[in-house]
C-alpha atoms as a PDB file:
ATOM      1  CA  MET A   1      93.848 126.128 104.421  1.00  0.00           C
ATOM      2  CA  GLU A   2      95.515 129.427 103.557  1.00  0.00           C
ATOM      3  CA  VAL A   3      98.823 129.612 101.713  1.00  0.00           C
ATOM      4  CA  PRO A   4     100.908 132.685 100.851  1.00  0.00           C
ATOM      5  CA  VAL A   5     101.465 133.880  97.292  1.00  0.00           C
ATOM      6  CA  LYS A   6     104.964 135.273  96.884  1.00  0.00           C
ATOM      7  CA  TYR A   7     106.599 137.286  94.134  1.00  0.00           C
ATOM      8  CA  ARG A   8     110.379 137.563  94.288  1.00  0.00           C
ATOM      9  CA  GLY A   9     110.282 136.453  97.908  1.00  0.00           C
ATOM     10  CA  VAL A  10     107.689 139.036  99.003  1.00  0.00           C
ATOM     11  CA  GLU A  11     104.199 137.947 100.033  1.00  0.00           C
ATOM     12  CA  VAL A  12     101.690 139.626  97.718  1.00  0.00           C
ATOM     13  CA  GLY A  13      98.539 137.771  98.684  1.00  0.00           C
ATOM     14  CA  ARG A  14      97.029 134.571 100.009  1.00  0.00           C
ATOM     15  CA  HIS A  15      95.147 131.643  98.493  1.00  0.00           C
ATOM     16  CA  ARG A  16      92.503 129.707 100.404  1.00  0.00           C
ATOM     17  CA  LEU A  17      92.535 126.036  99.405  1.00  0.00           C
ATOM     18  CA  ASP A  18      89.384 123.937  99.793  1.00  0.00           C
ATOM     19  CA  LEU A  19      91.373 120.757 100.517  1.00  0.00           C
ATOM     20  CA  LEU A  20      94.979 119.618 100.479  1.00  0.00           C
ATOM     21  CA  VAL A  21      95.167 115.820 100.508  1.00  0.00           C
ATOM     22  CA  GLU A  22      98.277 114.213 102.024  1.00  0.00           C
ATOM     23  CA  GLY A  23     100.143 117.461 101.400  1.00  0.00           C
ATOM     24  CA  THR A  24     100.296 116.695  97.676  1.00  0.00           C
ATOM     25  CA  ILE A  25      96.918 117.047  95.915  1.00  0.00           C
ATOM     26  CA  VAL A  26      94.901 120.273  95.820  1.00  0.00           C
ATOM     27  CA  VAL A  27      91.144 119.633  95.641  1.00  0.00           C
ATOM     28  CA  GLU A  28      88.892 122.495  94.534  1.00  0.00           C
ATOM     29  CA  LEU A  29      85.172 122.077  95.165  1.00  0.00           C
ATOM     30  CA  LYS A  30      82.621 123.725  92.874  1.00  0.00           C
ATOM     31  CA  ALA A  31      78.862 123.714  92.362  1.00  0.00           C
ATOM     32  CA  VAL A  32      78.544 125.392  88.964  1.00  0.00           C
ATOM     33  CA  LYS A  33      76.579 124.684  85.780  1.00  0.00           C
ATOM     34  CA  SER A  34      79.791 123.965  83.883  1.00  0.00           C
ATOM     35  CA  LEU A  35      83.507 124.168  84.559  1.00  0.00           C
ATOM     36  CA  ASP A  36      85.196 127.013  82.697  1.00  0.00           C
ATOM     37  CA  ASN A  37      88.839 127.724  81.891  1.00  0.00           C
ATOM     38  CA  VAL A  38      88.979 130.149  84.810  1.00  0.00           C
ATOM     39  CA  HIS A  39      88.300 127.282  87.256  1.00  0.00           C
ATOM     40  CA  PHE A  40      91.283 125.357  85.880  1.00  0.00           C
ATOM     41  CA  ALA A  41      93.442 128.510  85.998  1.00  0.00           C
ATOM     42  CA  VAL A  42      92.606 129.020  89.673  1.00  0.00           C
ATOM     43  CA  VAL A  43      93.647 125.467  90.556  1.00  0.00           C
ATOM     44  CA  LYS A  44      96.896 125.879  88.585  1.00  0.00           C
ATOM     45  CA  SER A  45      97.573 129.099  90.481  1.00  0.00           C
ATOM     46  CA  TYR A  46      97.074 127.250  93.781  1.00  0.00           C
ATOM     47  CA  LEU A  47      99.430 124.500  92.634  1.00  0.00           C
ATOM     48  CA  ARG A  48     102.145 126.992  91.679  1.00  0.00           C
ATOM     49  CA  ALA A  49     101.729 128.820  94.995  1.00  0.00           C
ATOM     50  CA  ILE A  50     102.485 125.676  97.000  1.00  0.00           C
ATOM     51  CA  GLY A  51     104.927 124.075  94.550  1.00  0.00           C
ATOM     52  CA  LYS A  52     102.777 121.016  93.778  1.00  0.00           C
ATOM     53  CA  GLU A  53     101.840 119.366  90.486  1.00  0.00           C
ATOM     54  CA  HIS A  54      98.508 117.576  90.990  1.00  0.00           C
ATOM     55  CA  GLY A  55      95.015 118.893  91.547  1.00  0.00           C
ATOM     56  CA  LEU A  56      91.407 117.796  91.271  1.00  0.00           C
ATOM     57  CA  LEU A  57      88.491 119.980  90.291  1.00  0.00           C
ATOM     58  CA  LEU A  58      85.193 118.553  91.552  1.00  0.00           C
ATOM     59  CA  ASN A  59      81.826 119.903  90.387  1.00  0.00           C
ATOM     60  CA  PHE A  60      78.819 118.844  92.459  1.00  0.00           C
ATOM     61  CA  ALA A  61      76.164 120.739  90.457  1.00  0.00           C
ATOM     62  CA  LYS A  62      75.581 117.962  87.930  1.00  0.00           C
ATOM     63  CA  THR A  63      73.471 114.834  88.352  1.00  0.00           C
ATOM     64  CA  THR A  64      76.687 112.829  88.693  1.00  0.00           C
ATOM     65  CA  LEU A  65      79.910 114.165  90.160  1.00  0.00           C
ATOM     66  CA  GLU A  66      82.170 115.756  87.555  1.00  0.00           C
ATOM     67  CA  ALA A  67      85.871 115.263  88.365  1.00  0.00           C
ATOM     68  CA  LYS A  68      88.715 116.751  86.330  1.00  0.00           C
ATOM     69  CA  ARG A  69      92.440 116.330  86.846  1.00  0.00           C
ATOM     70  CA  VAL A  70      94.651 119.432  86.810  1.00  0.00           C
ATOM     71  CA  ILE A  71      98.398 119.111  86.253  1.00  0.00           C
ATOM     72  CA  SER A  72     100.851 121.987  86.648  1.00  0.00           C
ATOM     73  CA  GLN A  73     104.622 122.184  86.746  1.00  0.00           C
ATOM     74  CA  PRO A  74     105.995 123.561  90.034  1.00  0.00           C
ATOM     75  CA  ALA A  75     107.178 127.161  89.859  1.00  0.00           C
ATOM     76  CA  ASP A  76     110.842 127.977  89.425  1.00  0.00           C
ATOM     77  CA  ASN A  77     111.553 130.567  92.145  1.00  0.00           C
ATOM     78  CA  SER A  78     114.481 132.085  90.241  1.00  0.00           C
ATOM     79  CA  HIS A  79     112.172 133.763  87.697  1.00  0.00           C
ATOM     80  CA  GLY A  80     109.896 135.604  90.131  1.00  0.00           C
ATOM     81  CA  SER A  81     106.790 133.531  89.484  1.00  0.00           C
ATOM     82  CA  LEU A  82     104.212 132.543  92.087  1.00  0.00           C
ATOM     83  CA  ALA A  83     105.834 130.311  94.681  1.00  0.00           C
ATOM     84  CA  SER A  84     105.640 129.531  98.366  1.00  0.00           C
END
């Protein structure tokens, strides 16, 4: 699913979400040796772009599934931050 990234009301790019569950939870799928801070930052950016708070980061590269919760405050459009 693609969502626009806006800055001060102008579209400046697009994010491609792996999954959006029930319109509320962003799920990012990975297959990497280890999750890094950049992976969490990407999910937070997605959350801000669609004005949601909850995300899941799933890593399938380990023997057992690694699942991490990501929480972000929705963007406040009045300050020109990323928002939909």
